């Protein structure tokens, strides 16, 4: 794998770690009531979506359970229609989809690092 693809995977991994650190043990209400935290989370989702756009189809095909297109789409919505991003959707993604994405990306990093 070219080095830049590994960097994109690492960007995704690091953005997920950042989101987890921002959220910590905070509740949904805590996040919504903290605009700076919410902005930081959106920024990291933009980073994830932008990196996903640079991953080749043969790489993402290894994990068809991940909704790669939707991840890239969230980036587009976040950038072009920021105020239409609903915190409830972000919260659901954080709670239910970051784990599988993180596992897939870690696996791809491991596979490509060999």
PDB file of N, CA and C in Angstrom:
ATOM      1  N   UNK A   1       0.850  -1.177   0.000  1.00  0.00           N
ATOM      2  CA  UNK A   1       0.000   0.000   0.000  1.00  0.00           C
ATOM      3  C   UNK A   1       0.893   1.236   0.000  1.00  0.00           C
ATOM      4  N   UNK A   2       0.597   2.150  -0.875  1.00  0.00           N
ATOM      5  CA  UNK A   2       1.369   3.399  -0.842  1.00  0.00           C
ATOM      6  C   UNK A   2       1.244   4.061   0.531  1.00  0.00           C
ATOM      7  N   UNK A   3       2.297   4.757   0.927  1.00  0.00           N
ATOM      8  CA  UNK A   3       2.343   5.378   2.245  1.00  0.00           C
ATOM      9  C   UNK A   3       1.197   6.324   2.525  1.00  0.00           C
ATOM     10  N   UNK A   4       0.719   7.034   1.485  1.00  0.00           N
ATOM     11  CA  UNK A   4      -0.362   7.977   1.740  1.00  0.00           C
ATOM     12  C   UNK A   4      -1.652   7.267   2.125  1.00  0.00           C
ATOM     13  N   UNK A   5      -1.887   6.060   1.631  1.00  0.00           N
ATOM     14  CA  UNK A   5      -3.088   5.325   2.034  1.00  0.00           C
ATOM     15  C   UNK A   5      -3.009   4.940   3.506  1.00  0.00           C
ATOM     16  N   UNK A   6      -1.831   4.560   3.941  1.00  0.00           N
ATOM     17  CA  UNK A   6      -1.647   4.249   5.352  1.00  0.00           C
ATOM     18  C   UNK A   6      -1.902   5.498   6.197  1.00  0.00           C
ATOM     19  N   UNK A   7      -1.472   6.650   5.706  1.00  0.00           N
ATOM     20  CA  UNK A   7      -1.729   7.906   6.422  1.00  0.00           C
ATOM     21  C   UNK A   7      -3.226   8.195   6.527  1.00  0.00           C
ATOM     22  N   UNK A   8      -3.969   7.917   5.460  1.00  0.00           N
ATOM     23  CA  UNK A   8      -5.430   8.124   5.517  1.00  0.00           C
ATOM     24  C   UNK A   8      -6.066   7.212   6.561  1.00  0.00           C
ATOM     25  N   UNK A   9      -5.642   5.972   6.606  1.00  0.00           N
ATOM     26  CA  UNK A   9      -6.166   5.047   7.613  1.00  0.00           C
ATOM     27  C   UNK A   9      -5.814   5.522   9.016  1.00  0.00           C
ATOM     28  N   UNK A  10      -4.598   5.997   9.185  1.00  0.00           N
ATOM     29  CA  UNK A  10      -4.191   6.515  10.492  1.00  0.00           C
ATOM     30  C   UNK A  10      -4.969   7.773  10.857  1.00  0.00           C
ATOM     31  N   UNK A  11      -5.273   8.607   9.861  1.00  0.00           N
ATOM     32  CA  UNK A  11      -6.105   9.787  10.119  1.00  0.00           C
ATOM     33  C   UNK A  11      -7.477   9.378  10.645  1.00  0.00           C
ATOM     34  N   UNK A  12      -8.049   8.344  10.047  1.00  0.00           N
ATOM     35  CA  UNK A  12      -9.359   7.855  10.500  1.00  0.00           C
ATOM     36  C   UNK A  12      -9.248   7.355  11.933  1.00  0.00           C
ATOM     37  N   UNK A  13      -8.244   6.532  12.179  1.00  0.00           N
ATOM     38  CA  UNK A  13      -8.040   5.989  13.527  1.00  0.00           C
ATOM     39  C   UNK A  13      -7.867   7.110  14.554  1.00  0.00           C
ATOM     40  N   UNK A  14      -7.047   8.098  14.212  1.00  0.00           N
ATOM     41  CA  UNK A  14      -6.782   9.196  15.145  1.00  0.00           C
ATOM     42  C   UNK A  14      -8.014  10.062  15.368  1.00  0.00           C
ATOM     43  N   UNK A  15      -8.808  10.271  14.331  1.00  0.00           N
ATOM     44  CA  UNK A  15     -10.034  11.065  14.472  1.00  0.00           C
ATOM     45  C   UNK A  15     -11.039  10.338  15.362  1.00  0.00           C
ATOM     46  N   UNK A  16     -11.126   9.031  15.220  1.00  0.00           N
ATOM     47  CA  UNK A  16     -12.010   8.253  16.095  1.00  0.00           C
ATOM     48  C   UNK A  16     -11.558   8.387  17.544  1.00  0.00           C
ATOM     49  N   UNK A  17     -10.256   8.279  17.776  1.00  0.00           N
ATOM     50  CA  UNK A  17      -9.724   8.421  19.136  1.00  0.00           C
ATOM     51  C   UNK A  17     -10.033   9.810  19.693  1.00  0.00           C
ATOM     52  N   UNK A  18      -9.930  10.824  18.852  1.00  0.00           N
ATOM     53  CA  UNK A  18     -10.234  12.185  19.296  1.00  0.00           C
ATOM     54  C   UNK A  18     -11.708  12.314  19.674  1.00  0.00           C
ATOM     55  N   UNK A  19     -12.588  11.777  18.837  1.00  0.00           N
ATOM     56  CA  UNK A  19     -14.026  11.823  19.150  1.00  0.00           C
ATOM     57  C   UNK A  19     -14.288  11.142  20.478  1.00  0.00           C
ATOM     58  N   UNK A  20     -13.682   9.981  20.673  1.00  0.00           N
ATOM     59  CA  UNK A  20     -13.881   9.268  21.942  1.00  0.00           C
ATOM     60  C   UNK A  20     -13.391  10.103  23.127  1.00  0.00           C
ATOM     61  N   UNK A  21     -12.271  10.805  22.944  1.00  0.00           N
ATOM     62  CA  UNK A  21     -11.751  11.626  24.043  1.00  0.00           C
ATOM     63  C   UNK A  21     -12.661  12.827  24.315  1.00  0.00           C
ATOM     64  N   UNK A  22     -13.257  13.397  23.274  1.00  0.00           N
ATOM     65  CA  UNK A  22     -14.166  14.528  23.469  1.00  0.00           C
ATOM     66  C   UNK A  22     -15.427  14.096  24.206  1.00  0.00           C
ATOM     67  N   UNK A  23     -15.914  12.922  23.860  1.00  0.00           N
ATOM     68  CA  UNK A  23     -17.167  12.443  24.446  1.00  0.00           C
ATOM     69  C   UNK A  23     -16.932  11.891  25.847  1.00  0.00           C
ATOM     70  N   UNK A  24     -15.916  11.051  26.002  1.00  0.00           N
ATOM     71  CA  UNK A  24     -15.636  10.463  27.308  1.00  0.00           C
ATOM     72  C   UNK A  24     -16.877   9.820  27.892  1.00  0.00           C
ATOM     73  N   UNK A  25     -17.184  10.189  29.103  1.00  0.00           N
ATOM     74  CA  UNK A  25     -18.366   9.659  29.797  1.00  0.00           C
ATOM     75  C   UNK A  25     -19.540  10.637  29.743  1.00  0.00           C
ATOM     76  N   UNK A  26     -19.424  11.629  28.870  1.00  0.00           N
ATOM     77  CA  UNK A  26     -20.460  12.655  28.790  1.00  0.00           C
ATOM     78  C   UNK A  26     -21.742  12.095  28.174  1.00  0.00           C
ATOM     79  N   UNK A  27     -22.850  12.695  28.556  1.00  0.00           N
ATOM     80  CA  UNK A  27     -24.150  12.296  28.010  1.00  0.00           C
ATOM     81  C   UNK A  27     -24.421  13.064  26.721  1.00  0.00           C
ATOM     82  N   UNK A  28     -25.447  12.638  26.028  1.00  0.00           N
ATOM     83  CA  UNK A  28     -25.874  13.344  24.820  1.00  0.00           C
ATOM     84  C   UNK A  28     -26.173  14.813  25.147  1.00  0.00           C
ATOM     85  N   UNK A  29     -26.885  15.041  26.232  1.00  0.00           N
ATOM     86  CA  UNK A  29     -27.248  16.406  26.621  1.00  0.00           C
ATOM     87  C   UNK A  29     -26.003  17.249  26.885  1.00  0.00           C
ATOM     88  N   UNK A  30     -25.002  16.648  27.533  1.00  0.00           N
ATOM     89  CA  UNK A  30     -23.750  17.370  27.791  1.00  0.00           C
ATOM     90  C   UNK A  30     -23.080  17.810  26.491  1.00  0.00           C
ATOM     91  N   UNK A  31     -23.104  16.927  25.510  1.00  0.00           N
ATOM     92  CA  UNK A  31     -22.470  17.228  24.224  1.00  0.00           C
ATOM     93  C   UNK A  31     -23.234  18.336  23.505  1.00  0.00           C
ATOM     94  N   UNK A  32     -24.540  18.223  23.476  1.00  0.00           N
ATOM     95  CA  UNK A  32     -25.368  19.212  22.776  1.00  0.00           C
ATOM     96  C   UNK A  32     -25.252  20.584  23.441  1.00  0.00           C
ATOM     97  N   UNK A  33     -25.103  20.590  24.754  1.00  0.00           N
ATOM     98  CA  UNK A  33     -24.993  21.854  25.484  1.00  0.00           C
ATOM     99  C   UNK A  33     -23.593  22.471  25.408  1.00  0.00           C
ATOM    100  N   UNK A  34     -22.679  21.806  24.736  1.00  0.00           N
ATOM    101  CA  UNK A  34     -21.304  22.301  24.611  1.00  0.00           C
ATOM    102  C   UNK A  34     -20.984  22.497  23.128  1.00  0.00           C
ATOM    103  N   UNK A  35     -21.270  23.679  22.590  1.00  0.00           N
ATOM    104  CA  UNK A  35     -21.080  23.892  21.152  1.00  0.00           C
ATOM    105  C   UNK A  35     -19.644  23.669  20.685  1.00  0.00           C
ATOM    106  N   UNK A  36     -18.674  23.968  21.530  1.00  0.00           N
ATOM    107  CA  UNK A  36     -17.285  23.761  21.135  1.00  0.00           C
ATOM    108  C   UNK A  36     -16.993  22.260  20.970  1.00  0.00           C
ATOM    109  N   UNK A  37     -17.505  21.454  21.871  1.00  0.00           N
ATOM    110  CA  UNK A  37     -17.322  20.006  21.764  1.00  0.00           C
ATOM    111  C   UNK A  37     -18.025  19.471  20.528  1.00  0.00           C
ATOM    112  N   UNK A  38     -19.233  19.926  20.301  1.00  0.00           N
ATOM    113  CA  UNK A  38     -19.993  19.481  19.130  1.00  0.00           C
ATOM    114  C   UNK A  38     -19.258  19.863  17.844  1.00  0.00           C
ATOM    115  N   UNK A  39     -18.728  21.081  17.796  1.00  0.00           N
ATOM    116  CA  UNK A  39     -17.949  21.504  16.631  1.00  0.00           C
ATOM    117  C   UNK A  39     -16.720  20.622  16.437  1.00  0.00           C
ATOM    118  N   UNK A  40     -16.057  20.292  17.524  1.00  0.00           N
ATOM    119  CA  UNK A  40     -14.859  19.447  17.429  1.00  0.00           C
ATOM    120  C   UNK A  40     -15.208  18.060  16.900  1.00  0.00           C
ATOM    121  N   UNK A  41     -16.331  17.534  17.342  1.00  0.00           N
ATOM    122  CA  UNK A  41     -16.777  16.218  16.865  1.00  0.00           C
ATOM    123  C   UNK A  41     -17.079  16.281  15.372  1.00  0.00           C
ATOM    124  N   UNK A  42     -17.792  17.310  14.946  1.00  0.00           N
ATOM    125  CA  UNK A  42     -18.108  17.454  13.526  1.00  0.00           C
ATOM    126  C   UNK A  42     -16.830  17.547  12.710  1.00  0.00           C
ATOM    127  N   UNK A  43     -15.864  18.315  13.189  1.00  0.00           N
ATOM    128  CA  UNK A  43     -14.591  18.448  12.477  1.00  0.00           C
ATOM    129  C   UNK A  43     -13.919  17.089  12.303  1.00  0.00           C
ATOM    130  N   UNK A  44     -13.948  16.272  13.329  1.00  0.00           N
ATOM    131  CA  UNK A  44     -13.327  14.937  13.232  1.00  0.00           C
ATOM    132  C   UNK A  44     -14.099  14.030  12.281  1.00  0.00           C
ATOM    133  N   UNK A  45     -15.419  14.173  12.228  1.00  0.00           N
ATOM    134  CA  UNK A  45     -16.182  13.405  11.241  1.00  0.00           C
ATOM    135  C   UNK A  45     -15.846  13.869   9.826  1.00  0.00           C
ATOM    136  N   UNK A  46     -15.591  15.150   9.657  1.00  0.00           N
ATOM    137  CA  UNK A  46     -15.152  15.652   8.356  1.00  0.00           C
ATOM    138  C   UNK A  46     -13.813  15.026   7.982  1.00  0.00           C
ATOM    139  N   UNK A  47     -12.898  14.958   8.934  1.00  0.00           N
ATOM    140  CA  UNK A  47     -11.594  14.332   8.700  1.00  0.00           C
ATOM    141  C   UNK A  47     -11.764  12.876   8.282  1.00  0.00           C
ATOM    142  N   UNK A  48     -12.615  12.161   8.990  1.00  0.00           N
ATOM    143  CA  UNK A  48     -12.863  10.747   8.671  1.00  0.00           C
ATOM    144  C   UNK A  48     -13.423  10.628   7.262  1.00  0.00           C
ATOM    145  N   UNK A  49     -14.435  11.421   6.942  1.00  0.00           N
ATOM    146  CA  UNK A  49     -15.053  11.346   5.618  1.00  0.00           C
ATOM    147  C   UNK A  49     -14.090  11.689   4.504  1.00  0.00           C
ATOM    148  N   UNK A  50     -13.264  12.693   4.718  1.00  0.00           N
ATOM    149  CA  UNK A  50     -12.289  13.079   3.697  1.00  0.00           C
ATOM    150  C   UNK A  50     -11.275  11.958   3.480  1.00  0.00           C
ATOM    151  N   UNK A  51     -10.813  11.355   4.554  1.00  0.00           N
ATOM    152  CA  UNK A  51      -9.860  10.247   4.420  1.00  0.00           C
ATOM    153  C   UNK A  51     -10.492   9.059   3.706  1.00  0.00           C
ATOM    154  N   UNK A  52     -11.742   8.754   4.036  1.00  0.00           N
ATOM    155  CA  UNK A  52     -12.447   7.638   3.398  1.00  0.00           C
ATOM    156  C   UNK A  52     -12.536   7.845   1.891  1.00  0.00           C
ATOM    157  N   UNK A  53     -12.725   9.073   1.474  1.00  0.00           N
ATOM    158  CA  UNK A  53     -12.823   9.360   0.036  1.00  0.00           C
ATOM    159  C   UNK A  53     -11.548   9.005  -0.719  1.00  0.00           C
ATOM    160  N   UNK A  54     -10.442   8.915  -0.023  1.00  0.00           N
ATOM    161  CA  UNK A  54      -9.160   8.609  -0.662  1.00  0.00           C
ATOM    162  C   UNK A  54      -8.803   7.124  -0.624  1.00  0.00           C
ATOM    163  N   UNK A  55      -9.643   6.319   0.013  1.00  0.00           N
ATOM    164  CA  UNK A  55      -9.373   4.881   0.074  1.00  0.00           C
ATOM    165  C   UNK A  55      -9.886   4.215  -1.196  1.00  0.00           C
ATOM    166  N   UNK A  56      -9.082   3.372  -1.809  1.00  0.00           N
ATOM    167  CA  UNK A  56      -9.522   2.721  -3.042  1.00  0.00           C
ATOM    168  C   UNK A  56     -10.600   1.672  -2.775  1.00  0.00           C
ATOM    169  N   UNK A  57     -11.463   1.432  -3.765  1.00  0.00           N
ATOM    170  CA  UNK A  57     -12.557   0.469  -3.593  1.00  0.00           C
ATOM    171  C   UNK A  57     -12.091  -0.935  -3.198  1.00  0.00           C
ATOM    172  N   UNK A  58     -10.949  -1.373  -3.707  1.00  0.00           N
ATOM    173  CA  UNK A  58     -10.500  -2.721  -3.341  1.00  0.00           C
ATOM    174  C   UNK A  58     -10.153  -2.813  -1.857  1.00  0.00           C
ATOM    175  N   UNK A  59      -9.752  -1.704  -1.279  1.00  0.00           N
ATOM    176  CA  UNK A  59      -9.438  -1.688   0.152  1.00  0.00           C
ATOM    177  C   UNK A  59     -10.723  -1.683   0.981  1.00  0.00           C
ATOM    178  N   UNK A  60     -11.663  -0.816   0.637  1.00  0.00           N
ATOM    179  CA  UNK A  60     -12.909  -0.751   1.402  1.00  0.00           C
ATOM    180  C   UNK A  60     -13.766  -1.998   1.193  1.00  0.00           C
ATOM    181  N   UNK A  61     -13.588  -2.677   0.061  1.00  0.00           N
ATOM    182  CA  UNK A  61     -14.358  -3.895  -0.211  1.00  0.00           C
ATOM    183  C   UNK A  61     -14.037  -5.007   0.779  1.00  0.00           C
ATOM    184  N   UNK A  62     -12.913  -4.906   1.450  1.00  0.00           N
ATOM    185  CA  UNK A  62     -12.544  -5.905   2.460  1.00  0.00           C
ATOM    186  C   UNK A  62     -13.466  -5.846   3.672  1.00  0.00           C
ATOM    187  N   UNK A  63     -14.157  -4.724   3.819  1.00  0.00           N
ATOM    188  CA  UNK A  63     -15.081  -4.554   4.948  1.00  0.00           C
ATOM    189  C   UNK A  63     -16.412  -4.004   4.437  1.00  0.00           C
ATOM    190  N   UNK A  64     -17.180  -4.867   3.777  1.00  0.00           N
ATOM    191  CA  UNK A  64     -18.463  -4.407   3.220  1.00  0.00           C
ATOM    192  C   UNK A  64     -19.492  -4.052   4.300  1.00  0.00           C
ATOM    193  N   UNK A  65     -19.244  -4.460   5.526  1.00  0.00           N
ATOM    194  CA  UNK A  65     -20.167  -4.137   6.615  1.00  0.00           C
ATOM    195  C   UNK A  65     -20.094  -2.659   7.007  1.00  0.00           C
ATOM    196  N   UNK A  66     -19.055  -1.980   6.575  1.00  0.00           N
ATOM    197  CA  UNK A  66     -18.895  -0.554   6.866  1.00  0.00           C
ATOM    198  C   UNK A  66     -19.550   0.248   5.740  1.00  0.00           C
ATOM    199  N   UNK A  67     -20.327   1.225   6.111  1.00  0.00           N
ATOM    200  CA  UNK A  67     -21.031   2.047   5.123  1.00  0.00           C
ATOM    201  C   UNK A  67     -20.129   3.210   4.687  1.00  0.00           C
ATOM    202  N   UNK A  68     -19.128   2.862   3.886  1.00  0.00           N
ATOM    203  CA  UNK A  68     -18.109   3.820   3.464  1.00  0.00           C
ATOM    204  C   UNK A  68     -18.722   5.025   2.756  1.00  0.00           C
ATOM    205  N   UNK A  69     -19.699   4.791   1.895  1.00  0.00           N
ATOM    206  CA  UNK A  69     -20.332   5.903   1.159  1.00  0.00           C
ATOM    207  C   UNK A  69     -21.057   6.860   2.091  1.00  0.00           C
ATOM    208  N   UNK A  70     -21.715   6.310   3.082  1.00  0.00           N
ATOM    209  CA  UNK A  70     -22.425   7.156   4.036  1.00  0.00           C
ATOM    210  C   UNK A  70     -21.439   7.981   4.861  1.00  0.00           C
ATOM    211  N   UNK A  71     -20.294   7.403   5.154  1.00  0.00           N
ATOM    212  CA  UNK A  71     -19.264   8.142   5.897  1.00  0.00           C
ATOM    213  C   UNK A  71     -18.802   9.340   5.067  1.00  0.00           C
ATOM    214  N   UNK A  72     -18.534   9.104   3.796  1.00  0.00           N
ATOM    215  CA  UNK A  72     -18.131  10.192   2.911  1.00  0.00           C
ATOM    216  C   UNK A  72     -19.271  11.193   2.761  1.00  0.00           C
ATOM    217  N   UNK A  73     -20.495  10.707   2.719  1.00  0.00           N
ATOM    218  CA  UNK A  73     -21.654  11.583   2.602  1.00  0.00           C
ATOM    219  C   UNK A  73     -21.837  12.481   3.811  1.00  0.00           C
ATOM    220  N   UNK A  74     -21.562  11.937   4.993  1.00  0.00           N
ATOM    221  CA  UNK A  74     -21.645  12.747   6.209  1.00  0.00           C
ATOM    222  C   UNK A  74     -20.640  13.891   6.140  1.00  0.00           C
ATOM    223  N   UNK A  75     -19.488  13.622   5.588  1.00  0.00           N
ATOM    224  CA  UNK A  75     -18.479  14.667   5.415  1.00  0.00           C
ATOM    225  C   UNK A  75     -19.035  15.776   4.524  1.00  0.00           C
ATOM    226  N   UNK A  76     -19.653  15.388   3.412  1.00  0.00           N
ATOM    227  CA  UNK A  76     -20.188  16.377   2.487  1.00  0.00           C
ATOM    228  C   UNK A  76     -21.281  17.221   3.136  1.00  0.00           C
ATOM    229  N   UNK A  77     -22.165  16.578   3.858  1.00  0.00           N
ATOM    230  CA  UNK A  77     -23.238  17.303   4.545  1.00  0.00           C
ATOM    231  C   UNK A  77     -22.643  18.238   5.594  1.00  0.00           C
ATOM    232  N   UNK A  78     -21.658  17.748   6.336  1.00  0.00           N
ATOM    233  CA  UNK A  78     -21.046  18.557   7.386  1.00  0.00           C
ATOM    234  C   UNK A  78     -20.366  19.795   6.826  1.00  0.00           C
ATOM    235  N   UNK A  79     -19.755  19.665   5.661  1.00  0.00           N
ATOM    236  CA  UNK A  79     -19.036  20.782   5.058  1.00  0.00           C
ATOM    237  C   UNK A  79     -19.987  21.743   4.350  1.00  0.00           C
ATOM    238  N   UNK A  80     -20.926  21.217   3.606  1.00  0.00           N
ATOM    239  CA  UNK A  80     -21.752  22.055   2.743  1.00  0.00           C
ATOM    240  C   UNK A  80     -23.076  22.490   3.365  1.00  0.00           C
ATOM    241  N   UNK A  81     -23.540  21.750   4.355  1.00  0.00           N
ATOM    242  CA  UNK A  81     -24.819  22.085   4.999  1.00  0.00           C
ATOM    243  C   UNK A  81     -24.687  21.892   6.500  1.00  0.00           C
ATOM    244  N   UNK A  82     -23.692  22.559   7.077  1.00  0.00           N
ATOM    245  CA  UNK A  82     -23.326  22.337   8.473  1.00  0.00           C
ATOM    246  C   UNK A  82     -24.522  22.348   9.417  1.00  0.00           C
ATOM    247  N   UNK A  83     -25.431  23.299   9.230  1.00  0.00           N
ATOM    248  CA  UNK A  83     -26.531  23.438  10.176  1.00  0.00           C
ATOM    249  C   UNK A  83     -27.600  22.358  10.021  1.00  0.00           C
ATOM    250  N   UNK A  84     -27.479  21.535   9.000  1.00  0.00           N
ATOM    251  CA  UNK A  84     -28.438  20.437   8.863  1.00  0.00           C
ATOM    252  C   UNK A  84     -27.930  19.156   9.528  1.00  0.00           C
ATOM    253  N   UNK A  85     -26.733  19.201  10.070  1.00  0.00           N
ATOM    254  CA  UNK A  85     -26.199  18.034  10.783  1.00  0.00           C
ATOM    255  C   UNK A  85     -26.899  17.947  12.134  1.00  0.00           C
ATOM    256  N   UNK A  86     -27.580  16.849  12.340  1.00  0.00           N
ATOM    257  CA  UNK A  86     -28.354  16.679  13.566  1.00  0.00           C
ATOM    258  C   UNK A  86     -27.495  15.992  14.638  1.00  0.00           C
ATOM    259  N   UNK A  87     -27.418  16.590  15.817  1.00  0.00           N
ATOM    260  CA  UNK A  87     -26.640  15.971  16.892  1.00  0.00           C
ATOM    261  C   UNK A  87     -27.103  14.551  17.221  1.00  0.00           C
ATOM    262  N   UNK A  88     -28.394  14.269  17.067  1.00  0.00           N
ATOM    263  CA  UNK A  88     -28.878  12.914  17.362  1.00  0.00           C
ATOM    264  C   UNK A  88     -28.260  11.892  16.414  1.00  0.00           C
ATOM    265  N   UNK A  89     -28.051  12.294  15.165  1.00  0.00           N
ATOM    266  CA  UNK A  89     -27.423  11.380  14.207  1.00  0.00           C
ATOM    267  C   UNK A  89     -25.963  11.157  14.577  1.00  0.00           C
ATOM    268  N   UNK A  90     -25.264  12.229  14.920  1.00  0.00           N
ATOM    269  CA  UNK A  90     -23.867  12.088  15.330  1.00  0.00           C
ATOM    270  C   UNK A  90     -23.753  11.195  16.559  1.00  0.00           C
ATOM    271  N   UNK A  91     -24.645  11.391  17.514  1.00  0.00           N
ATOM    272  CA  UNK A  91     -24.621  10.590  18.738  1.00  0.00           C
ATOM    273  C   UNK A  91     -24.839   9.107  18.415  1.00  0.00           C
ATOM    274  N   UNK A  92     -25.785   8.835  17.532  1.00  0.00           N
ATOM    275  CA  UNK A  92     -26.036   7.443  17.143  1.00  0.00           C
ATOM    276  C   UNK A  92     -24.800   6.843  16.479  1.00  0.00           C
ATOM    277  N   UNK A  93     -24.159   7.586  15.627  1.00  0.00           N
ATOM    278  CA  UNK A  93     -22.951   7.097  14.965  1.00  0.00           C
ATOM    279  C   UNK A  93     -21.865   6.816  16.003  1.00  0.00           C
ATOM    280  N   UNK A  94     -21.693   7.741  16.931  1.00  0.00           N
ATOM    281  CA  UNK A  94     -20.674   7.563  17.971  1.00  0.00           C
ATOM    282  C   UNK A  94     -20.956   6.311  18.787  1.00  0.00           C
ATOM    283  N   UNK A  95     -22.216   6.113  19.139  1.00  0.00           N
ATOM    284  CA  UNK A  95     -22.581   4.993  20.005  1.00  0.00           C
ATOM    285  C   UNK A  95     -22.593   3.642  19.297  1.00  0.00           C
ATOM    286  N   UNK A  96     -22.942   3.621  18.009  1.00  0.00           N
ATOM    287  CA  UNK A  96     -23.163   2.325  17.360  1.00  0.00           C
ATOM    288  C   UNK A  96     -22.235   2.008  16.192  1.00  0.00           C
ATOM    289  N   UNK A  97     -21.609   3.013  15.594  1.00  0.00           N
ATOM    290  CA  UNK A  97     -20.873   2.743  14.358  1.00  0.00           C
ATOM    291  C   UNK A  97     -19.381   3.030  14.428  1.00  0.00           C
ATOM    292  N   UNK A  98     -18.952   3.801  15.407  1.00  0.00           N
ATOM    293  CA  UNK A  98     -17.521   4.081  15.491  1.00  0.00           C
ATOM    294  C   UNK A  98     -16.724   2.828  15.830  1.00  0.00           C
ATOM    295  N   UNK A  99     -17.269   1.983  16.693  1.00  0.00           N
ATOM    296  CA  UNK A  99     -16.563   0.753  17.079  1.00  0.00           C
ATOM    297  C   UNK A  99     -16.263  -0.133  15.883  1.00  0.00           C
ATOM    298  N   UNK A 100     -17.272  -0.488  15.081  1.00  0.00           N
ATOM    299  CA  UNK A 100     -16.996  -1.309  13.897  1.00  0.00           C
ATOM    300  C   UNK A 100     -16.048  -0.632  12.907  1.00  0.00           C
ATOM    301  N   UNK A 101     -16.183   0.674  12.731  1.00  0.00           N
ATOM    302  CA  UNK A 101     -15.269   1.388  11.834  1.00  0.00           C
ATOM    303  C   UNK A 101     -13.847   1.320  12.375  1.00  0.00           C
ATOM    304  N   UNK A 102     -13.712   1.534  13.655  1.00  0.00           N
ATOM    305  CA  UNK A 102     -12.388   1.485  14.287  1.00  0.00           C
ATOM    306  C   UNK A 102     -11.751   0.107  14.109  1.00  0.00           C
ATOM    307  N   UNK A 103     -12.531  -0.937  14.328  1.00  0.00           N
ATOM    308  CA  UNK A 103     -12.012  -2.302  14.158  1.00  0.00           C
ATOM    309  C   UNK A 103     -11.591  -2.554  12.722  1.00  0.00           C
ATOM    310  N   UNK A 104     -12.399  -2.128  11.765  1.00  0.00           N
ATOM    311  CA  UNK A 104     -12.075  -2.325  10.354  1.00  0.00           C
ATOM    312  C   UNK A 104     -10.797  -1.589   9.991  1.00  0.00           C
ATOM    313  N   UNK A 105     -10.680  -0.347  10.429  1.00  0.00           N
ATOM    314  CA  UNK A 105      -9.504   0.458  10.100  1.00  0.00           C
ATOM    315  C   UNK A 105      -8.257  -0.129  10.761  1.00  0.00           C
ATOM    316  N   UNK A 106      -8.367  -0.543  12.005  1.00  0.00           N
ATOM    317  CA  UNK A 106      -7.220  -1.170  12.676  1.00  0.00           C
ATOM    318  C   UNK A 106      -6.778  -2.422  11.920  1.00  0.00           C
ATOM    319  N   UNK A 107      -7.759  -3.209  11.463  1.00  0.00           N
ATOM    320  CA  UNK A 107      -7.431  -4.403  10.689  1.00  0.00           C
ATOM    321  C   UNK A 107      -6.732  -4.066   9.373  1.00  0.00           C
ATOM    322  N   UNK A 108      -7.201  -3.029   8.700  1.00  0.00           N
ATOM    323  CA  UNK A 108      -6.573  -2.613   7.452  1.00  0.00           C
ATOM    324  C   UNK A 108      -5.156  -2.101   7.691  1.00  0.00           C
ATOM    325  N   UNK A 109      -4.974  -1.368   8.774  1.00  0.00           N
ATOM    326  CA  UNK A 109      -3.626  -0.885   9.123  1.00  0.00           C
ATOM    327  C   UNK A 109      -2.704  -2.068   9.394  1.00  0.00           C
ATOM    328  N   UNK A 110      -3.196  -3.042  10.139  1.00  0.00           N
ATOM    329  CA  UNK A 110      -2.397  -4.245  10.425  1.00  0.00           C
ATOM    330  C   UNK A 110      -2.050  -4.998   9.141  1.00  0.00           C
ATOM    331  N   UNK A 111      -3.063  -5.194   8.292  1.00  0.00           N
ATOM    332  CA  UNK A 111      -2.862  -5.931   7.045  1.00  0.00           C
ATOM    333  C   UNK A 111      -1.819  -5.242   6.158  1.00  0.00           C
ATOM    334  N   UNK A 112      -1.915  -3.936   6.084  1.00  0.00           N
ATOM    335  CA  UNK A 112      -1.050  -3.200   5.172  1.00  0.00           C
ATOM    336  C   UNK A 112       0.328  -2.943   5.756  1.00  0.00           C
ATOM    337  N   UNK A 113       0.432  -3.053   7.084  1.00  0.00           N
ATOM    338  CA  UNK A 113       1.724  -2.839   7.720  1.00  0.00           C
ATOM    339  C   UNK A 113       2.654  -4.027   7.609  1.00  0.00           C
ATOM    340  N   UNK A 114       2.124  -5.141   7.183  1.00  0.00           N
ATOM    341  CA  UNK A 114       2.938  -6.370   7.091  1.00  0.00           C
ATOM    342  C   UNK A 114       3.752  -6.421   5.829  1.00  0.00           C
TER     343      UNK A 114
END
